[in-house]
Amino acid sequence: MNIIHPTSIVSSKAKLGENVKIGPFCVVEDDVTLENGVELISHVVISGVTKIGKNTKIYPFASIGSAPQDLKYSGEKSSVEIGENNQIREYVTIQPGTSGGIMKTIVGNNNLLMVGTHIAHDAVIGDNIICANIATIGGHVIIEDNVVLGGLSAVHQFVRIGKHAMIGGVTAVVRDVPPFASVVSDRAAIEGMNILGLKRRGFEKQEIFTLQQAFKKIFFTDDDDLMSRVFQVEEEFKESELVRQLVSFMKSESKRSFTTAKL
């Protein structure tokens, strides 16, 4: 049984699953899909072609699916796809894709988007991500699983952030961040590995130690150039799955180059 407050405006064309709760003063437009157990607390606006997965909870004054803040956008019917079990807090904005990108913005499962988080057009956000207050994610950004973004951090358009990375508060990320890295400063620099995050997620000590050795050789030495060190590490630590993930990220295409350490 769905519960819809009488002050809310919900289009008859919108698709609602079971046990959907829509509180006071919400707006749900024609092309919106709310799957089972979705809850809109109050004053939430869901626009455009937007799909929100099961048991996602959205707090007051969030705006999802409104036109992207891209001057090249010309009204194309792009979309927002949000997965299951997300907490989307007050004043969060998530905007659809564009014809200049993948035509959709994707948010995965089990994410916590704190107050004022902004996710721009064509971004792809993975699972188990935490965005602290006023985290800003630019267009075409890719953020892999288990990343933490500190408060007031900002991610430049087209940047990639690898899995298990930690972005410090008030950090401007203008280049790709490798998996497992911990970065900080007004122009992001690698300060080490996100060891605490890896421990919390159950990785074994030996796995972390091996990754740490590879990480130091890539980012905290100045022998040869960066990619030469990546290939050296690939050969030296080829038995380590975590190192393989790191090397794979570093060898894949980058539109913004890579965040490095201050030596």
Protein backbone atom coordinates (compact mmCIF):
# COMPACT_ATOMS: atom_id res chain seq x y z
CA MET A 1 0.00 0.00 0.00
CA ASN A 2 1.39 3.40 -1.01
CA ILE A 3 1.04 6.43 1.23
CA ILE A 4 0.86 9.81 -0.56
CA HIS A 5 0.29 13.02 1.40
CA PRO A 6 -2.59 15.07 -0.04
CA THR A 7 -0.40 18.16 -0.47
CA SER A 8 1.94 16.37 -2.87
CA ILE A 9 1.56 16.41 -6.66
CA VAL A 10 2.19 12.98 -8.16
CA SER A 11 1.59 12.47 -11.87
CA SER A 12 -0.82 9.70 -12.79
CA LYS A 13 1.76 8.65 -15.40
CA ALA A 14 4.51 8.11 -12.82
CA LYS A 15 5.27 4.46 -12.01
CA LEU A 16 5.14 3.61 -8.32
CA GLY A 17 6.10 0.28 -6.80
CA GLU A 18 4.73 -1.10 -3.55
CA ASN A 19 5.04 0.51 -0.11
CA VAL A 20 6.13 3.86 -1.54
CA LYS A 21 5.81 6.77 0.90
CA ILE A 22 5.52 10.35 -0.36
CA GLY A 23 5.37 13.01 2.35
CA PRO A 24 4.08 16.62 2.20
CA PHE A 25 4.73 19.06 -0.65
CA CYS A 26 6.57 16.72 -3.01
CA VAL A 27 6.40 16.79 -6.81
CA VAL A 28 6.76 13.61 -8.89
CA GLU A 29 6.58 14.15 -12.67
CA ASP A 30 5.36 11.97 -15.56
CA ASP A 31 8.47 9.93 -16.45
CA VAL A 32 9.51 9.05 -12.91
CA THR A 33 9.75 5.49 -11.57
CA LEU A 34 9.86 4.91 -7.81
CA GLU A 35 10.52 1.27 -6.98
CA ASN A 36 9.32 -0.64 -3.91
CA GLY A 37 9.93 1.00 -0.55
CA VAL A 38 11.14 4.38 -1.83
CA GLU A 39 10.41 7.18 0.64
CA LEU A 40 10.29 10.92 -0.06
CA ILE A 41 10.24 12.67 3.32
CA SER A 42 8.87 16.07 2.20
CA HIS A 43 9.49 18.95 -0.25
CA VAL A 44 11.27 16.64 -2.72
CA VAL A 45 11.10 17.28 -6.50
CA ILE A 46 11.67 14.35 -8.86
CA SER A 47 11.70 15.45 -12.52
CA GLY A 48 12.56 14.16 -15.98
CA VAL A 49 13.23 10.54 -16.87
CA THR A 50 14.30 9.37 -13.43
CA LYS A 51 14.35 5.90 -11.89
CA ILE A 52 14.92 5.45 -8.16
CA GLY A 53 15.69 1.98 -6.81
CA LYS A 54 14.22 0.04 -3.92
CA ASN A 55 14.33 1.35 -0.35
CA THR A 56 16.05 4.60 -1.25
CA LYS A 57 15.16 7.40 1.17
CA ILE A 58 15.21 11.04 0.04
CA TYR A 59 15.15 13.95 2.48
CA PRO A 60 13.61 17.46 2.21
CA PHE A 61 14.52 19.90 -0.57
CA ALA A 62 16.39 17.39 -2.71
CA SER A 63 16.03 17.98 -6.47
CA ILE A 64 16.59 15.03 -8.78
CA GLY A 65 16.27 14.92 -12.56
CA SER A 66 15.96 18.63 -13.35
CA ALA A 67 17.78 19.97 -16.42
CA PRO A 68 21.59 19.76 -16.23
CA GLN A 69 23.67 22.88 -15.71
CA ASP A 70 25.35 22.54 -19.09
CA LEU A 71 24.93 25.31 -21.68
CA LYS A 72 25.19 22.69 -24.45
CA TYR A 73 22.08 20.89 -23.18
CA SER A 74 19.22 21.38 -25.64
CA GLY A 75 16.37 19.47 -24.06
CA GLU A 76 17.34 15.94 -25.12
CA LYS A 77 15.43 13.29 -23.16
CA SER A 78 18.29 12.03 -21.04
CA SER A 79 17.90 10.29 -17.69
CA VAL A 80 18.93 9.67 -14.08
CA GLU A 81 19.26 6.12 -12.75
CA ILE A 82 19.60 5.67 -8.97
CA GLY A 83 20.06 2.25 -7.38
CA GLU A 84 18.84 0.66 -4.16
CA ASN A 85 19.22 1.46 -0.46
CA ASN A 86 20.60 4.97 -0.89
CA GLN A 87 20.26 7.79 1.62
CA ILE A 88 19.93 11.10 -0.18
CA ARG A 89 19.98 13.92 2.33
CA GLU A 90 18.72 17.50 2.30
CA TYR A 91 19.44 19.80 -0.68
CA VAL A 92 21.11 17.10 -2.78
CA THR A 93 20.96 17.74 -6.54
CA ILE A 94 21.39 15.02 -9.16
CA GLN A 95 21.03 15.97 -12.82
CA PRO A 96 20.55 13.90 -16.00
CA GLY A 97 22.99 13.18 -18.80
CA THR A 98 23.51 15.01 -22.07
CA SER A 99 24.08 14.18 -25.73
CA GLY A 100 27.72 15.18 -25.17
CA GLY A 101 28.08 12.31 -22.71
CA ILE A 102 26.36 8.97 -22.06
CA MET A 103 22.83 10.47 -21.93
CA LYS A 104 22.36 9.40 -18.34
CA THR A 105 23.67 9.98 -14.84
CA ILE A 106 24.10 6.83 -12.75
CA VAL A 107 24.21 6.41 -8.98
CA GLY A 108 24.71 2.88 -7.63
CA ASN A 109 23.59 1.19 -4.41
CA ASN A 110 24.08 1.75 -0.68
CA ASN A 111 25.43 5.29 -0.98
CA LEU A 112 25.18 8.09 1.57
CA LEU A 113 24.92 11.51 -0.05
CA MET A 114 25.03 14.07 2.74
CA VAL A 115 23.57 17.59 2.76
CA GLY A 116 24.16 19.61 -0.38
CA THR A 117 25.95 16.96 -2.46
CA HIS A 118 25.82 17.81 -6.17
CA ILE A 119 26.14 15.16 -8.89
CA ALA A 120 26.35 16.69 -12.36
CA HIS A 121 25.39 15.37 -15.80
CA ASP A 122 26.80 12.11 -17.18
CA ALA A 123 28.53 11.18 -13.91
CA VAL A 124 28.78 7.49 -12.97
CA ILE A 125 28.85 6.87 -9.23
CA GLY A 126 29.43 3.35 -7.89
CA ASP A 127 28.34 1.56 -4.70
CA ASN A 128 29.03 2.16 -1.00
CA ILE A 129 30.18 5.74 -1.53
CA ILE A 130 30.02 8.46 1.12
CA CYS A 131 29.81 12.09 0.04
CA ALA A 132 30.10 14.43 3.03
CA ASN A 133 28.36 17.81 3.16
CA ILE A 134 28.61 20.02 0.03
CA ALA A 135 30.69 17.53 -1.95
CA THR A 136 30.55 18.59 -5.61
CA ILE A 137 30.94 16.13 -8.47
CA GLY A 138 31.38 17.59 -11.95
CA GLY A 139 30.09 16.35 -15.29
CA HIS A 140 31.37 13.07 -16.80
CA VAL A 141 33.10 12.08 -13.54
CA ILE A 142 33.52 8.38 -12.75
CA ILE A 143 33.76 7.33 -9.09
CA GLU A 144 34.35 3.65 -8.38
CA ASP A 145 33.09 1.70 -5.35
CA ASN A 146 33.88 2.40 -1.68
CA VAL A 147 35.15 5.96 -2.14
CA VAL A 148 34.79 8.65 0.54
CA LEU A 149 34.57 12.34 -0.41
CA GLY A 150 35.17 14.80 2.43
CA GLY A 151 33.08 17.88 3.09
CA LEU A 152 33.41 20.79 0.65
CA SER A 153 35.50 18.68 -1.73
CA ALA A 154 35.12 19.28 -5.47
CA VAL A 155 35.80 16.89 -8.35
CA HIS A 156 36.61 18.44 -11.74
CA GLN A 157 34.71 17.25 -14.81
CA PHE A 158 36.05 14.13 -16.57
CA VAL A 159 38.07 13.04 -13.52
CA ARG A 160 38.11 9.37 -12.46
CA ILE A 161 38.44 8.27 -8.83
CA GLY A 162 39.48 4.66 -8.23
CA LYS A 163 37.94 2.29 -5.72
CA HIS A 164 38.66 2.62 -1.99
CA ALA A 165 40.12 6.13 -2.36
CA MET A 166 39.72 8.77 0.34
CA ILE A 167 39.35 12.44 -0.62
CA GLY A 168 40.02 14.86 2.24
CA GLY A 169 37.77 17.77 3.13
CA VAL A 170 38.13 21.03 1.16
CA THR A 171 40.12 19.21 -1.54
CA ALA A 172 39.95 20.14 -5.21
CA VAL A 173 40.45 17.02 -7.34
CA VAL A 174 41.56 18.05 -10.82
CA ARG A 175 43.31 14.85 -11.94
CA ASP A 176 42.49 11.14 -11.76
CA VAL A 177 42.90 9.60 -8.30
CA PRO A 178 44.32 6.06 -8.27
CA PRO A 179 42.55 3.30 -6.35
CA PHE A 180 43.38 3.05 -2.62
CA ALA A 181 44.89 6.56 -2.50
CA SER A 182 44.38 9.14 0.23
CA VAL A 183 44.50 12.67 -1.20
CA VAL A 184 44.26 16.12 0.35
CA SER A 185 45.01 19.82 -0.21
CA ASP A 186 43.43 22.68 -2.16
CA ARG A 187 44.91 21.07 -5.29
CA ALA A 188 44.79 17.37 -4.50
CA ALA A 189 48.03 15.51 -3.85
CA ILE A 190 48.49 11.92 -2.72
CA GLU A 191 49.54 11.80 0.91
CA GLY A 192 49.52 8.03 1.23
CA MET A 193 47.21 5.04 1.03
CA ASN A 194 43.73 4.79 2.49
CA ILE A 195 44.91 2.05 4.88
CA LEU A 196 42.17 2.63 7.46
CA GLY A 197 39.50 2.23 4.79
CA LEU A 198 41.06 -1.04 3.57
CA LYS A 199 41.18 -2.42 7.14
CA ARG A 200 37.55 -1.49 7.70
CA ARG A 201 36.58 -3.38 4.55
CA GLY A 202 38.25 -6.56 5.72
CA PHE A 203 41.41 -6.76 3.62
CA GLU A 204 44.17 -8.91 5.13
CA LYS A 205 47.32 -7.32 6.55
CA GLN A 206 49.56 -9.03 3.99
CA GLU A 207 47.37 -7.83 1.10
CA ILE A 208 47.59 -4.27 2.39
CA PHE A 209 51.36 -4.51 3.00
CA THR A 210 52.02 -5.76 -0.54
CA LEU A 211 49.84 -3.03 -2.02
CA GLN A 212 51.65 -0.46 0.12
CA GLN A 213 55.02 -1.52 -1.28
CA ALA A 214 53.74 -1.19 -4.85
CA PHE A 215 52.08 2.13 -4.04
CA LYS A 216 55.33 3.58 -2.69
CA LYS A 217 57.27 2.50 -5.78
CA ILE A 218 54.77 4.16 -8.10
CA PHE A 219 54.02 7.39 -6.27
CA PHE A 220 56.77 8.04 -3.75
CA THR A 221 59.91 7.56 -5.83
CA ASP A 222 61.18 9.67 -8.70
CA ASP A 223 63.11 7.00 -10.61
CA ASP A 224 62.09 6.95 -14.28
CA ASP A 225 58.74 8.36 -15.33
CA LEU A 226 55.38 7.49 -13.76
CA MET A 227 54.23 4.92 -16.33
CA SER A 228 57.60 3.18 -16.35
CA ARG A 229 57.20 2.67 -12.60
CA VAL A 230 53.67 1.33 -13.17
CA PHE A 231 54.99 -1.32 -15.59
CA GLN A 232 57.79 -2.24 -13.17
CA VAL A 233 55.30 -2.73 -10.36
CA GLU A 234 53.03 -4.77 -12.62
CA GLU A 235 55.85 -7.25 -13.20
CA GLU A 236 57.17 -7.29 -9.63
CA PHE A 237 53.82 -7.75 -7.87
CA LYS A 238 51.90 -9.73 -10.48
CA GLU A 239 50.55 -12.18 -7.86
CA SER A 240 48.65 -9.44 -6.01
CA GLU A 241 45.03 -8.85 -7.03
CA LEU A 242 44.97 -5.38 -5.42
CA VAL A 243 48.11 -4.35 -7.30
CA ARG A 244 46.55 -5.61 -10.52
CA GLN A 245 43.53 -3.37 -9.87
CA LEU A 246 45.81 -0.39 -9.26
CA VAL A 247 47.86 -1.07 -12.40
CA SER A 248 44.74 -1.56 -14.51
CA PHE A 249 43.43 1.85 -13.45
CA MET A 250 46.76 3.53 -14.19
CA LYS A 251 47.01 1.93 -17.64
CA SER A 252 43.47 2.84 -18.71
CA GLU A 253 42.67 6.04 -20.60
CA SER A 254 42.86 9.27 -18.61
CA LYS A 255 41.42 12.57 -19.84
CA ARG A 256 42.88 14.54 -16.92
CA SER A 257 46.23 12.81 -16.18
CA PHE A 258 46.94 11.53 -12.65
CA THR A 259 47.10 12.95 -9.15
CA THR A 260 50.62 12.45 -7.77
CA ALA A 261 52.45 12.88 -4.47
CA LYS A 262 54.45 15.90 -3.36
CA LEU A 263 57.98 14.54 -2.98
